[in-house]
Protein backbone atom coordinates (compact mmCIF):
# COMPACT_ATOMS: atom_id res chain seq x y z
CA UNK A 1 0.00 0.00 0.00
CA UNK A 2 1.06 3.59 -0.53
CA UNK A 3 -0.02 6.72 1.28
CA UNK A 4 -0.19 10.19 -0.22
CA UNK A 5 1.06 12.94 2.10
CA UNK A 6 1.59 16.53 0.99
CA UNK A 7 1.40 15.57 -2.70
CA UNK A 8 4.01 12.80 -2.39
CA UNK A 9 3.50 9.04 -2.18
CA UNK A 10 5.26 6.87 0.39
CA UNK A 11 5.20 3.09 0.90
CA UNK A 12 3.11 1.97 3.86
CA UNK A 13 3.35 -1.59 5.11
CA UNK A 14 4.46 -3.46 8.21
CA UNK A 15 8.11 -4.50 8.38
CA UNK A 16 10.08 -6.10 11.17
CA UNK A 17 11.94 -2.81 11.47
CA UNK A 18 8.64 -0.97 12.00
CA UNK A 19 7.67 -3.36 14.80
CA UNK A 20 11.08 -2.91 16.41
CA UNK A 21 10.93 0.87 16.05
CA UNK A 22 7.44 0.92 17.58
CA UNK A 23 8.75 -1.03 20.58
CA UNK A 24 11.70 1.35 20.94
CA UNK A 25 9.49 4.45 20.65
CA UNK A 26 6.77 3.27 23.07
CA UNK A 27 8.24 0.50 25.21
CA UNK A 28 5.27 -1.68 24.24
CA UNK A 29 5.03 -4.55 21.75
CA UNK A 30 2.87 -3.74 18.73
CA UNK A 31 0.82 -6.87 19.42
CA UNK A 32 -0.56 -5.16 22.51
CA UNK A 33 -2.11 -2.23 20.59
CA UNK A 34 -5.82 -1.73 21.21
CA UNK A 35 -7.71 -0.53 18.14
CA UNK A 36 -9.41 2.19 20.19
CA UNK A 37 -6.00 3.64 21.22
CA UNK A 38 -5.62 6.12 18.37
CA UNK A 39 -2.19 7.39 19.42
CA UNK A 40 -0.77 3.84 19.36
CA UNK A 41 -2.35 3.11 15.99
CA UNK A 42 -0.93 6.35 14.57
CA UNK A 43 2.50 5.62 16.05
CA UNK A 44 2.56 2.18 14.43
CA UNK A 45 1.44 3.67 11.13
CA UNK A 46 4.20 6.31 11.33
CA UNK A 47 6.79 3.64 12.13
CA UNK A 48 5.60 1.64 9.11
CA UNK A 49 5.93 4.61 6.75
CA UNK A 50 9.36 5.57 8.14
CA UNK A 51 10.75 2.03 7.87
CA UNK A 52 9.15 1.12 4.52
CA UNK A 53 10.45 4.39 3.06
CA UNK A 54 13.93 3.65 4.37
CA UNK A 55 13.79 0.16 2.85
CA UNK A 56 13.01 1.75 -0.53
CA UNK A 57 15.67 4.44 -0.22
CA UNK A 58 13.05 7.20 0.04
CA UNK A 59 13.54 10.08 2.44
CA UNK A 60 10.60 10.50 4.82
CA UNK A 61 11.05 13.90 6.46
CA UNK A 62 8.02 14.05 8.78
CA UNK A 63 8.26 13.66 12.53
CA UNK A 64 5.39 11.92 14.33
CA UNK A 65 3.35 15.03 15.09
CA UNK A 66 3.73 16.47 11.59
CA UNK A 67 2.74 13.08 10.16
CA UNK A 68 -0.43 13.06 12.30
CA UNK A 69 -1.26 16.60 11.17
CA UNK A 70 -0.81 15.60 7.52
CA UNK A 71 -3.09 12.56 7.25
CA UNK A 72 -6.84 12.07 7.46
CA UNK A 73 -8.98 9.62 9.44
CA UNK A 74 -9.95 8.02 6.11
CA UNK A 75 -6.28 7.21 5.39
CA UNK A 76 -5.89 5.63 8.83
CA UNK A 77 -9.03 3.55 8.35
CA UNK A 78 -7.94 2.41 4.87
CA UNK A 79 -4.53 1.32 6.17
CA UNK A 80 -6.02 -0.49 9.16
CA UNK A 81 -8.53 -2.32 6.96
CA UNK A 82 -5.83 -3.28 4.44
CA UNK A 83 -3.46 -4.44 7.19
CA UNK A 84 -6.18 -6.61 8.73
CA UNK A 85 -6.91 -8.23 5.35
CA UNK A 86 -3.22 -8.92 4.73
CA UNK A 87 -2.74 -10.33 8.22
CA UNK A 88 -5.62 -12.77 7.73
CA UNK A 89 -4.01 -14.00 4.49
CA UNK A 90 -0.58 -14.58 5.99
CA UNK A 91 -1.36 -15.99 9.44
CA UNK A 92 -1.76 -19.76 9.17
CA UNK A 93 -4.68 -21.38 10.90
CA UNK A 94 -3.64 -23.69 13.71
CA UNK A 95 -3.95 -27.36 12.98
CA UNK A 96 -6.18 -29.51 15.07
CA UNK A 97 -4.18 -31.88 17.23
CA UNK A 98 -4.30 -35.50 16.13
CA UNK A 99 -6.45 -37.70 18.28
CA UNK A 100 -4.49 -40.22 20.28
CA UNK A 101 -5.61 -43.69 21.19
CA UNK A 102 -4.94 -44.86 24.69
PDB file of N, CA and C in Angstrom:
ATOM      1  N   UNK A   1       0.838  -1.170   0.000  1.00  0.00           N
ATOM      2  CA  UNK A   1       0.000   0.000   0.000  1.00  0.00           C
ATOM      3  C   UNK A   1       0.893   1.246   0.000  1.00  0.00           C
ATOM      4  N   UNK A   2       0.367   2.304  -0.547  1.00  0.00           N
ATOM      5  CA  UNK A   2       1.057   3.586  -0.535  1.00  0.00           C
ATOM      6  C   UNK A   2       0.138   4.614   0.109  1.00  0.00           C
ATOM      7  N   UNK A   3       0.747   5.640   0.682  1.00  0.00           N
ATOM      8  CA  UNK A   3      -0.018   6.721   1.280  1.00  0.00           C
ATOM      9  C   UNK A   3       0.450   8.028   0.662  1.00  0.00           C
ATOM     10  N   UNK A   4      -0.505   8.887   0.362  1.00  0.00           N
ATOM     11  CA  UNK A   4      -0.186  10.193  -0.221  1.00  0.00           C
ATOM     12  C   UNK A   4      -0.220  11.228   0.892  1.00  0.00           C
ATOM     13  N   UNK A   5       0.930  11.901   1.078  1.00  0.00           N
ATOM     14  CA  UNK A   5       1.059  12.937   2.101  1.00  0.00           C
ATOM     15  C   UNK A   5       1.708  14.151   1.450  1.00  0.00           C
ATOM     16  N   UNK A   6       1.044  15.287   1.548  1.00  0.00           N
ATOM     17  CA  UNK A   6       1.585  16.532   0.988  1.00  0.00           C
ATOM     18  C   UNK A   6       2.033  16.352  -0.468  1.00  0.00           C
ATOM     19  N   UNK A   7       1.169  15.746  -1.256  1.00  0.00           N
ATOM     20  CA  UNK A   7       1.396  15.570  -2.700  1.00  0.00           C
ATOM     21  C   UNK A   7       2.528  14.608  -3.054  1.00  0.00           C
ATOM     22  N   UNK A   8       2.981  13.798  -2.097  1.00  0.00           N
ATOM     23  CA  UNK A   8       4.013  12.804  -2.389  1.00  0.00           C
ATOM     24  C   UNK A   8       3.552  11.443  -1.859  1.00  0.00           C
ATOM     25  N   UNK A   9       3.877  10.390  -2.600  1.00  0.00           N
ATOM     26  CA  UNK A   9       3.504   9.035  -2.179  1.00  0.00           C
ATOM     27  C   UNK A   9       4.660   8.362  -1.458  1.00  0.00           C
ATOM     28  N   UNK A  10       4.292   7.629  -0.398  1.00  0.00           N
ATOM     29  CA  UNK A  10       5.264   6.869   0.391  1.00  0.00           C
ATOM     30  C   UNK A  10       4.741   5.448   0.555  1.00  0.00           C
ATOM     31  N   UNK A  11       5.643   4.463   0.633  1.00  0.00           N
ATOM     32  CA  UNK A  11       5.198   3.093   0.900  1.00  0.00           C
ATOM     33  C   UNK A  11       4.697   2.986   2.338  1.00  0.00           C
ATOM     34  N   UNK A  12       3.695   2.147   2.530  1.00  0.00           N
ATOM     35  CA  UNK A  12       3.111   1.968   3.858  1.00  0.00           C
ATOM     36  C   UNK A  12       2.758   0.500   4.045  1.00  0.00           C
ATOM     37  N   UNK A  13       3.613  -0.196   4.770  1.00  0.00           N
ATOM     38  CA  UNK A  13       3.351  -1.590   5.113  1.00  0.00           C
ATOM     39  C   UNK A  13       4.186  -1.960   6.328  1.00  0.00           C
ATOM     40  N   UNK A  14       3.787  -3.021   6.983  1.00  0.00           N
ATOM     41  CA  UNK A  14       4.461  -3.455   8.207  1.00  0.00           C
ATOM     42  C   UNK A  14       5.744  -4.196   7.845  1.00  0.00           C
ATOM     43  N   UNK A  15       6.826  -3.799   8.512  1.00  0.00           N
ATOM     44  CA  UNK A  15       8.109  -4.497   8.381  1.00  0.00           C
ATOM     45  C   UNK A  15       8.564  -4.880   9.786  1.00  0.00           C
ATOM     46  N   UNK A  16       9.523  -5.765   9.858  1.00  0.00           N
ATOM     47  CA  UNK A  16      10.084  -6.105  11.171  1.00  0.00           C
ATOM     48  C   UNK A  16      10.731  -4.867  11.795  1.00  0.00           C
ATOM     49  N   UNK A  17      11.341  -4.043  10.976  1.00  0.00           N
ATOM     50  CA  UNK A  17      11.941  -2.813  11.474  1.00  0.00           C
ATOM     51  C   UNK A  17      10.903  -1.883  12.085  1.00  0.00           C
ATOM     52  N   UNK A  18       9.718  -1.818  11.473  1.00  0.00           N
ATOM     53  CA  UNK A  18       8.644  -0.970  12.000  1.00  0.00           C
ATOM     54  C   UNK A  18       8.181  -1.480  13.366  1.00  0.00           C
ATOM     55  N   UNK A  19       8.085  -2.789  13.513  1.00  0.00           N
ATOM     56  CA  UNK A  19       7.675  -3.357  14.801  1.00  0.00           C
ATOM     57  C   UNK A  19       8.724  -3.076  15.868  1.00  0.00           C
ATOM     58  N   UNK A  20       9.985  -3.205  15.487  1.00  0.00           N
ATOM     59  CA  UNK A  20      11.082  -2.913  16.406  1.00  0.00           C
ATOM     60  C   UNK A  20      11.108  -1.426  16.771  1.00  0.00           C
ATOM     61  N   UNK A  21      10.933  -0.567  15.785  1.00  0.00           N
ATOM     62  CA  UNK A  21      10.929   0.872  16.045  1.00  0.00           C
ATOM     63  C   UNK A  21       9.763   1.253  16.962  1.00  0.00           C
ATOM     64  N   UNK A  22       8.587   0.651  16.726  1.00  0.00           N
ATOM     65  CA  UNK A  22       7.435   0.918  17.583  1.00  0.00           C
ATOM     66  C   UNK A  22       7.763   0.566  19.036  1.00  0.00           C
ATOM     67  N   UNK A  23       8.374  -0.589  19.236  1.00  0.00           N
ATOM     68  CA  UNK A  23       8.753  -1.026  20.583  1.00  0.00           C
ATOM     69  C   UNK A  23       9.743  -0.050  21.207  1.00  0.00           C
ATOM     70  N   UNK A  24      10.704   0.407  20.430  1.00  0.00           N
ATOM     71  CA  UNK A  24      11.702   1.353  20.942  1.00  0.00           C
ATOM     72  C   UNK A  24      11.091   2.716  21.254  1.00  0.00           C
ATOM     73  N   UNK A  25      10.127   3.138  20.446  1.00  0.00           N
ATOM     74  CA  UNK A  25       9.486   4.447  20.649  1.00  0.00           C
ATOM     75  C   UNK A  25       8.537   4.435  21.848  1.00  0.00           C
ATOM     76  N   UNK A  26       7.846   3.309  22.069  1.00  0.00           N
ATOM     77  CA  UNK A  26       6.772   3.273  23.071  1.00  0.00           C
ATOM     78  C   UNK A  26       7.075   2.402  24.280  1.00  0.00           C
ATOM     79  N   UNK A  27       7.983   1.450  24.133  1.00  0.00           N
ATOM     80  CA  UNK A  27       8.238   0.503  25.208  1.00  0.00           C
ATOM     81  C   UNK A  27       7.223  -0.622  25.270  1.00  0.00           C
ATOM     82  N   UNK A  28       6.347  -0.690  24.278  1.00  0.00           N
ATOM     83  CA  UNK A  28       5.267  -1.682  24.239  1.00  0.00           C
ATOM     84  C   UNK A  28       5.355  -2.456  22.931  1.00  0.00           C
ATOM     85  N   UNK A  29       5.081  -3.756  22.978  1.00  0.00           N
ATOM     86  CA  UNK A  29       5.029  -4.550  21.754  1.00  0.00           C
ATOM     87  C   UNK A  29       3.813  -4.156  20.928  1.00  0.00           C
ATOM     88  N   UNK A  30       3.970  -4.123  19.621  1.00  0.00           N
ATOM     89  CA  UNK A  30       2.871  -3.738  18.733  1.00  0.00           C
ATOM     90  C   UNK A  30       1.678  -4.676  18.867  1.00  0.00           C
ATOM     91  N   UNK A  31       1.915  -5.923  19.249  1.00  0.00           N
ATOM     92  CA  UNK A  31       0.820  -6.873  19.424  1.00  0.00           C
ATOM     93  C   UNK A  31      -0.128  -6.502  20.553  1.00  0.00           C
ATOM     94  N   UNK A  32       0.270  -5.570  21.390  1.00  0.00           N
ATOM     95  CA  UNK A  32      -0.560  -5.157  22.511  1.00  0.00           C
ATOM     96  C   UNK A  32      -1.413  -3.918  22.202  1.00  0.00           C
ATOM     97  N   UNK A  33      -1.346  -3.424  20.965  1.00  0.00           N
ATOM     98  CA  UNK A  33      -2.112  -2.234  20.592  1.00  0.00           C
ATOM     99  C   UNK A  33      -3.607  -2.543  20.620  1.00  0.00           C
ATOM    100  N   UNK A  34      -4.352  -1.652  21.215  1.00  0.00           N
ATOM    101  CA  UNK A  34      -5.817  -1.732  21.211  1.00  0.00           C
ATOM    102  C   UNK A  34      -6.310  -0.824  20.084  1.00  0.00           C
ATOM    103  N   UNK A  35      -7.245  -1.301  19.292  1.00  0.00           N
ATOM    104  CA  UNK A  35      -7.708  -0.525  18.142  1.00  0.00           C
ATOM    105  C   UNK A  35      -8.314   0.818  18.538  1.00  0.00           C
ATOM    106  N   UNK A  36      -8.816   0.923  19.752  1.00  0.00           N
ATOM    107  CA  UNK A  36      -9.406   2.193  20.190  1.00  0.00           C
ATOM    108  C   UNK A  36      -8.351   3.180  20.690  1.00  0.00           C
ATOM    109  N   UNK A  37      -7.096   2.763  20.786  1.00  0.00           N
ATOM    110  CA  UNK A  37      -6.005   3.638  21.217  1.00  0.00           C
ATOM    111  C   UNK A  37      -5.405   4.315  19.983  1.00  0.00           C
ATOM    112  N   UNK A  38      -5.989   5.449  19.612  1.00  0.00           N
ATOM    113  CA  UNK A  38      -5.622   6.116  18.368  1.00  0.00           C
ATOM    114  C   UNK A  38      -4.148   6.513  18.321  1.00  0.00           C
ATOM    115  N   UNK A  39      -3.598   6.978  19.430  1.00  0.00           N
ATOM    116  CA  UNK A  39      -2.190   7.387  19.420  1.00  0.00           C
ATOM    117  C   UNK A  39      -1.291   6.197  19.090  1.00  0.00           C
ATOM    118  N   UNK A  40      -1.581   5.036  19.645  1.00  0.00           N
ATOM    119  CA  UNK A  40      -0.773   3.843  19.363  1.00  0.00           C
ATOM    120  C   UNK A  40      -0.910   3.417  17.908  1.00  0.00           C
ATOM    121  N   UNK A  41      -2.119   3.467  17.390  1.00  0.00           N
ATOM    122  CA  UNK A  41      -2.346   3.111  15.989  1.00  0.00           C
ATOM    123  C   UNK A  41      -1.578   4.068  15.076  1.00  0.00           C
ATOM    124  N   UNK A  42      -1.655   5.358  15.372  1.00  0.00           N
ATOM    125  CA  UNK A  42      -0.930   6.348  14.570  1.00  0.00           C
ATOM    126  C   UNK A  42       0.579   6.167  14.673  1.00  0.00           C
ATOM    127  N   UNK A  43       1.068   5.842  15.870  1.00  0.00           N
ATOM    128  CA  UNK A  43       2.504   5.622  16.047  1.00  0.00           C
ATOM    129  C   UNK A  43       2.963   4.420  15.218  1.00  0.00           C
ATOM    130  N   UNK A  44       2.191   3.341  15.235  1.00  0.00           N
ATOM    131  CA  UNK A  44       2.555   2.179  14.429  1.00  0.00           C
ATOM    132  C   UNK A  44       2.535   2.532  12.946  1.00  0.00           C
ATOM    133  N   UNK A  45       1.542   3.268  12.533  1.00  0.00           N
ATOM    134  CA  UNK A  45       1.441   3.670  11.130  1.00  0.00           C
ATOM    135  C   UNK A  45       2.650   4.514  10.734  1.00  0.00           C
ATOM    136  N   UNK A  46       3.029   5.468  11.595  1.00  0.00           N
ATOM    137  CA  UNK A  46       4.197   6.312  11.327  1.00  0.00           C
ATOM    138  C   UNK A  46       5.456   5.456  11.228  1.00  0.00           C
ATOM    139  N   UNK A  47       5.620   4.524  12.167  1.00  0.00           N
ATOM    140  CA  UNK A  47       6.791   3.636  12.133  1.00  0.00           C
ATOM    141  C   UNK A  47       6.832   2.845  10.829  1.00  0.00           C
ATOM    142  N   UNK A  48       5.671   2.407  10.362  1.00  0.00           N
ATOM    143  CA  UNK A  48       5.602   1.642   9.111  1.00  0.00           C
ATOM    144  C   UNK A  48       6.025   2.493   7.921  1.00  0.00           C
ATOM    145  N   UNK A  49       5.556   3.740   7.860  1.00  0.00           N
ATOM    146  CA  UNK A  49       5.933   4.614   6.751  1.00  0.00           C
ATOM    147  C   UNK A  49       7.430   4.926   6.809  1.00  0.00           C
ATOM    148  N   UNK A  50       7.939   5.248   7.983  1.00  0.00           N
ATOM    149  CA  UNK A  50       9.363   5.572   8.136  1.00  0.00           C
ATOM    150  C   UNK A  50      10.220   4.395   7.678  1.00  0.00           C
ATOM    151  N   UNK A  51       9.907   3.194   8.165  1.00  0.00           N
ATOM    152  CA  UNK A  51      10.749   2.031   7.867  1.00  0.00           C
ATOM    153  C   UNK A  51      10.581   1.532   6.437  1.00  0.00           C
ATOM    154  N   UNK A  52       9.357   1.543   5.912  1.00  0.00           N
ATOM    155  CA  UNK A  52       9.155   1.124   4.521  1.00  0.00           C
ATOM    156  C   UNK A  52       9.840   2.111   3.574  1.00  0.00           C
ATOM    157  N   UNK A  53       9.763   3.389   3.893  1.00  0.00           N
ATOM    158  CA  UNK A  53      10.448   4.392   3.060  1.00  0.00           C
ATOM    159  C   UNK A  53      11.951   4.158   3.077  1.00  0.00           C
ATOM    160  N   UNK A  54      12.494   3.911   4.266  1.00  0.00           N
ATOM    161  CA  UNK A  54      13.930   3.649   4.372  1.00  0.00           C
ATOM    162  C   UNK A  54      14.316   2.425   3.551  1.00  0.00           C
ATOM    163  N   UNK A  55      13.503   1.383   3.606  1.00  0.00           N
ATOM    164  CA  UNK A  55      13.794   0.164   2.853  1.00  0.00           C
ATOM    165  C   UNK A  55      13.823   0.415   1.349  1.00  0.00           C
ATOM    166  N   UNK A  56      13.057   1.413   0.890  1.00  0.00           N
ATOM    167  CA  UNK A  56      13.006   1.748  -0.531  1.00  0.00           C
ATOM    168  C   UNK A  56      13.954   2.890  -0.903  1.00  0.00           C
ATOM    169  N   UNK A  57      14.734   3.360   0.061  1.00  0.00           N
ATOM    170  CA  UNK A  57      15.670   4.442  -0.217  1.00  0.00           C
ATOM    171  C   UNK A  57      14.993   5.786  -0.431  1.00  0.00           C
ATOM    172  N   UNK A  58      13.814   5.958   0.181  1.00  0.00           N
ATOM    173  CA  UNK A  58      13.053   7.198   0.040  1.00  0.00           C
ATOM    174  C   UNK A  58      13.155   7.982   1.345  1.00  0.00           C
ATOM    175  N   UNK A  59      13.481   9.253   1.240  1.00  0.00           N
ATOM    176  CA  UNK A  59      13.541  10.082   2.443  1.00  0.00           C
ATOM    177  C   UNK A  59      12.119  10.371   2.926  1.00  0.00           C
ATOM    178  N   UNK A  60      11.890  10.167   4.212  1.00  0.00           N
ATOM    179  CA  UNK A  60      10.603  10.504   4.822  1.00  0.00           C
ATOM    180  C   UNK A  60      10.888  11.551   5.893  1.00  0.00           C
ATOM    181  N   UNK A  61      10.594  12.814   5.602  1.00  0.00           N
ATOM    182  CA  UNK A  61      11.053  13.902   6.455  1.00  0.00           C
ATOM    183  C   UNK A  61      10.133  14.280   7.620  1.00  0.00           C
ATOM    184  N   UNK A  62       9.002  13.614   7.789  1.00  0.00           N
ATOM    185  CA  UNK A  62       8.023  14.048   8.783  1.00  0.00           C
ATOM    186  C   UNK A  62       8.232  13.395  10.144  1.00  0.00           C
ATOM    187  N   UNK A  63       8.262  14.211  11.185  1.00  0.00           N
ATOM    188  CA  UNK A  63       8.263  13.656  12.532  1.00  0.00           C
ATOM    189  C   UNK A  63       6.840  13.177  12.848  1.00  0.00           C
ATOM    190  N   UNK A  64       6.669  12.525  13.987  1.00  0.00           N
ATOM    191  CA  UNK A  64       5.391  11.916  14.326  1.00  0.00           C
ATOM    192  C   UNK A  64       4.247  12.932  14.330  1.00  0.00           C
ATOM    193  N   UNK A  65       4.429  14.051  14.987  1.00  0.00           N
ATOM    194  CA  UNK A  65       3.346  15.029  15.094  1.00  0.00           C
ATOM    195  C   UNK A  65       2.991  15.620  13.728  1.00  0.00           C
ATOM    196  N   UNK A  66       3.984  15.934  12.929  1.00  0.00           N
ATOM    197  CA  UNK A  66       3.726  16.466  11.589  1.00  0.00           C
ATOM    198  C   UNK A  66       3.003  15.434  10.737  1.00  0.00           C
ATOM    199  N   UNK A  67       3.415  14.167  10.860  1.00  0.00           N
ATOM    200  CA  UNK A  67       2.736  13.076  10.161  1.00  0.00           C
ATOM    201  C   UNK A  67       1.254  13.051  10.537  1.00  0.00           C
ATOM    202  N   UNK A  68       0.969  13.097  11.830  1.00  0.00           N
ATOM    203  CA  UNK A  68      -0.427  13.060  12.297  1.00  0.00           C
ATOM    204  C   UNK A  68      -1.229  14.247  11.773  1.00  0.00           C
ATOM    205  N   UNK A  69      -0.586  15.408  11.669  1.00  0.00           N
ATOM    206  CA  UNK A  69      -1.258  16.604  11.167  1.00  0.00           C
ATOM    207  C   UNK A  69      -1.442  16.586   9.655  1.00  0.00           C
ATOM    208  N   UNK A  70      -0.809  15.635   8.979  1.00  0.00           N
ATOM    209  CA  UNK A  70      -0.814  15.603   7.517  1.00  0.00           C
ATOM    210  C   UNK A  70      -1.687  14.507   6.924  1.00  0.00           C
ATOM    211  N   UNK A  71      -2.253  13.650   7.758  1.00  0.00           N
ATOM    212  CA  UNK A  71      -3.087  12.562   7.246  1.00  0.00           C
ATOM    213  C   UNK A  71      -4.516  12.725   7.750  1.00  0.00           C
ATOM    214  N   UNK A  72      -5.422  11.976   7.116  1.00  0.00           N
ATOM    215  CA  UNK A  72      -6.845  12.066   7.463  1.00  0.00           C
ATOM    216  C   UNK A  72      -7.306  10.782   8.152  1.00  0.00           C
ATOM    217  N   UNK A  73      -8.422  10.848   8.867  1.00  0.00           N
ATOM    218  CA  UNK A  73      -8.982   9.620   9.437  1.00  0.00           C
ATOM    219  C   UNK A  73      -9.272   8.561   8.372  1.00  0.00           C
ATOM    220  N   UNK A  74      -9.671   8.980   7.186  1.00  0.00           N
ATOM    221  CA  UNK A  74      -9.946   8.017   6.113  1.00  0.00           C
ATOM    222  C   UNK A  74      -8.689   7.240   5.732  1.00  0.00           C
ATOM    223  N   UNK A  75      -7.537   7.893   5.719  1.00  0.00           N
ATOM    224  CA  UNK A  75      -6.281   7.209   5.393  1.00  0.00           C
ATOM    225  C   UNK A  75      -5.919   6.191   6.483  1.00  0.00           C
ATOM    226  N   UNK A  76      -6.158   6.555   7.727  1.00  0.00           N
ATOM    227  CA  UNK A  76      -5.887   5.634   8.831  1.00  0.00           C
ATOM    228  C   UNK A  76      -6.798   4.417   8.719  1.00  0.00           C
ATOM    229  N   UNK A  77      -8.071   4.648   8.475  1.00  0.00           N
ATOM    230  CA  UNK A  77      -9.033   3.549   8.347  1.00  0.00           C
ATOM    231  C   UNK A  77      -8.659   2.634   7.188  1.00  0.00           C
ATOM    232  N   UNK A  78      -8.307   3.214   6.045  1.00  0.00           N
ATOM    233  CA  UNK A  78      -7.942   2.411   4.871  1.00  0.00           C
ATOM    234  C   UNK A  78      -6.733   1.525   5.172  1.00  0.00           C
ATOM    235  N   UNK A  79      -5.716   2.099   5.834  1.00  0.00           N
ATOM    236  CA  UNK A  79      -4.529   1.323   6.175  1.00  0.00           C
ATOM    237  C   UNK A  79      -4.870   0.203   7.151  1.00  0.00           C
ATOM    238  N   UNK A  80      -5.659   0.521   8.160  1.00  0.00           N
ATOM    239  CA  UNK A  80      -6.017  -0.492   9.157  1.00  0.00           C
ATOM    240  C   UNK A  80      -6.809  -1.628   8.512  1.00  0.00           C
ATOM    241  N   UNK A  81      -7.735  -1.293   7.637  1.00  0.00           N
ATOM    242  CA  UNK A  81      -8.526  -2.322   6.957  1.00  0.00           C
ATOM    243  C   UNK A  81      -7.643  -3.173   6.059  1.00  0.00           C
ATOM    244  N   UNK A  82      -6.744  -2.550   5.326  1.00  0.00           N
ATOM    245  CA  UNK A  82      -5.827  -3.278   4.439  1.00  0.00           C
ATOM    246  C   UNK A  82      -4.894  -4.176   5.245  1.00  0.00           C
ATOM    247  N   UNK A  83      -4.370  -3.659   6.347  1.00  0.00           N
ATOM    248  CA  UNK A  83      -3.463  -4.443   7.190  1.00  0.00           C
ATOM    249  C   UNK A  83      -4.159  -5.659   7.774  1.00  0.00           C
ATOM    250  N   UNK A  84      -5.407  -5.494   8.172  1.00  0.00           N
ATOM    251  CA  UNK A  84      -6.176  -6.611   8.725  1.00  0.00           C
ATOM    252  C   UNK A  84      -6.399  -7.684   7.671  1.00  0.00           C
ATOM    253  N   UNK A  85      -6.723  -7.262   6.432  1.00  0.00           N
ATOM    254  CA  UNK A  85      -6.914  -8.228   5.351  1.00  0.00           C
ATOM    255  C   UNK A  85      -5.633  -8.989   5.068  1.00  0.00           C
ATOM    256  N   UNK A  86      -4.513  -8.284   5.003  1.00  0.00           N
ATOM    257  CA  UNK A  86      -3.223  -8.918   4.729  1.00  0.00           C
ATOM    258  C   UNK A  86      -2.828  -9.877   5.847  1.00  0.00           C
ATOM    259  N   UNK A  87      -3.096  -9.487   7.079  1.00  0.00           N
ATOM    260  CA  UNK A  87      -2.744 -10.331   8.216  1.00  0.00           C
ATOM    261  C   UNK A  87      -3.529 -11.637   8.167  1.00  0.00           C
ATOM    262  N   UNK A  88      -4.791 -11.569   7.814  1.00  0.00           N
ATOM    263  CA  UNK A  88      -5.621 -12.774   7.734  1.00  0.00           C
ATOM    264  C   UNK A  88      -5.111 -13.719   6.652  1.00  0.00           C
ATOM    265  N   UNK A  89      -4.546 -13.170   5.576  1.00  0.00           N
ATOM    266  CA  UNK A  89      -4.014 -13.997   4.495  1.00  0.00           C
ATOM    267  C   UNK A  89      -2.728 -14.696   4.889  1.00  0.00           C
ATOM    268  N   UNK A  90      -1.907 -14.048   5.721  1.00  0.00           N
ATOM    269  CA  UNK A  90      -0.583 -14.578   5.993  1.00  0.00           C
ATOM    270  C   UNK A  90      -0.479 -15.390   7.275  1.00  0.00           C
ATOM    271  N   UNK A  91      -1.427 -15.247   8.177  1.00  0.00           N
ATOM    272  CA  UNK A  91      -1.359 -15.989   9.435  1.00  0.00           C
ATOM    273  C   UNK A  91      -1.991 -17.355   9.234  1.00  0.00           C
ATOM    274  N   UNK A  92      -1.205 -18.423   9.377  1.00  0.00           N
ATOM    275  CA  UNK A  92      -1.755 -19.763   9.167  1.00  0.00           C
ATOM    276  C   UNK A  92      -2.729 -20.136  10.286  1.00  0.00           C
ATOM    277  N   UNK A  93      -3.741 -20.896   9.901  1.00  0.00           N
ATOM    278  CA  UNK A  93      -4.683 -21.376  10.902  1.00  0.00           C
ATOM    279  C   UNK A  93      -4.035 -22.533  11.653  1.00  0.00           C
ATOM    280  N   UNK A  94      -4.237 -22.587  12.958  1.00  0.00           N
ATOM    281  CA  UNK A  94      -3.636 -23.687  13.712  1.00  0.00           C
ATOM    282  C   UNK A  94      -4.280 -25.019  13.330  1.00  0.00           C
ATOM    283  N   UNK A  95      -3.444 -26.022  13.300  1.00  0.00           N
ATOM    284  CA  UNK A  95      -3.952 -27.359  12.980  1.00  0.00           C
ATOM    285  C   UNK A  95      -4.580 -27.966  14.212  1.00  0.00           C
ATOM    286  N   UNK A  96      -5.564 -28.798  13.970  1.00  0.00           N
ATOM    287  CA  UNK A  96      -6.177 -29.515  15.074  1.00  0.00           C
ATOM    288  C   UNK A  96      -5.233 -30.626  15.496  1.00  0.00           C
ATOM    289  N   UNK A  97      -5.069 -30.805  16.796  1.00  0.00           N
ATOM    290  CA  UNK A  97      -4.184 -31.884  17.233  1.00  0.00           C
ATOM    291  C   UNK A  97      -4.768 -33.258  16.834  1.00  0.00           C
ATOM    292  N   UNK A  98      -3.865 -34.144  16.494  1.00  0.00           N
ATOM    293  CA  UNK A  98      -4.304 -35.499  16.126  1.00  0.00           C
ATOM    294  C   UNK A  98      -4.833 -36.199  17.377  1.00  0.00           C
ATOM    295  N   UNK A  99      -5.895 -36.949  17.158  1.00  0.00           N
ATOM    296  CA  UNK A  99      -6.445 -37.696  18.284  1.00  0.00           C
ATOM    297  C   UNK A  99      -5.529 -38.864  18.600  1.00  0.00           C
ATOM    298  N   UNK A 100      -5.345 -39.105  19.860  1.00  0.00           N
ATOM    299  CA  UNK A 100      -4.486 -40.217  20.277  1.00  0.00           C
ATOM    300  C   UNK A 100      -5.345 -41.321  20.867  1.00  0.00           C
ATOM    301  N   UNK A 101      -4.919 -42.533  20.628  1.00  0.00           N
ATOM    302  CA  UNK A 101      -5.610 -43.691  21.188  1.00  0.00           C
ATOM    303  C   UNK A 101      -4.850 -44.137  22.428  1.00  0.00           C
ATOM    304  N   UNK A 102      -5.585 -44.398  23.469  1.00  0.00           N
ATOM    305  CA  UNK A 102      -4.943 -44.856  24.690  1.00  0.00           C
ATOM    306  C   UNK A 102      -5.351 -46.265  25.001  1.00  0.00           C
TER     307      UNK A 102
END
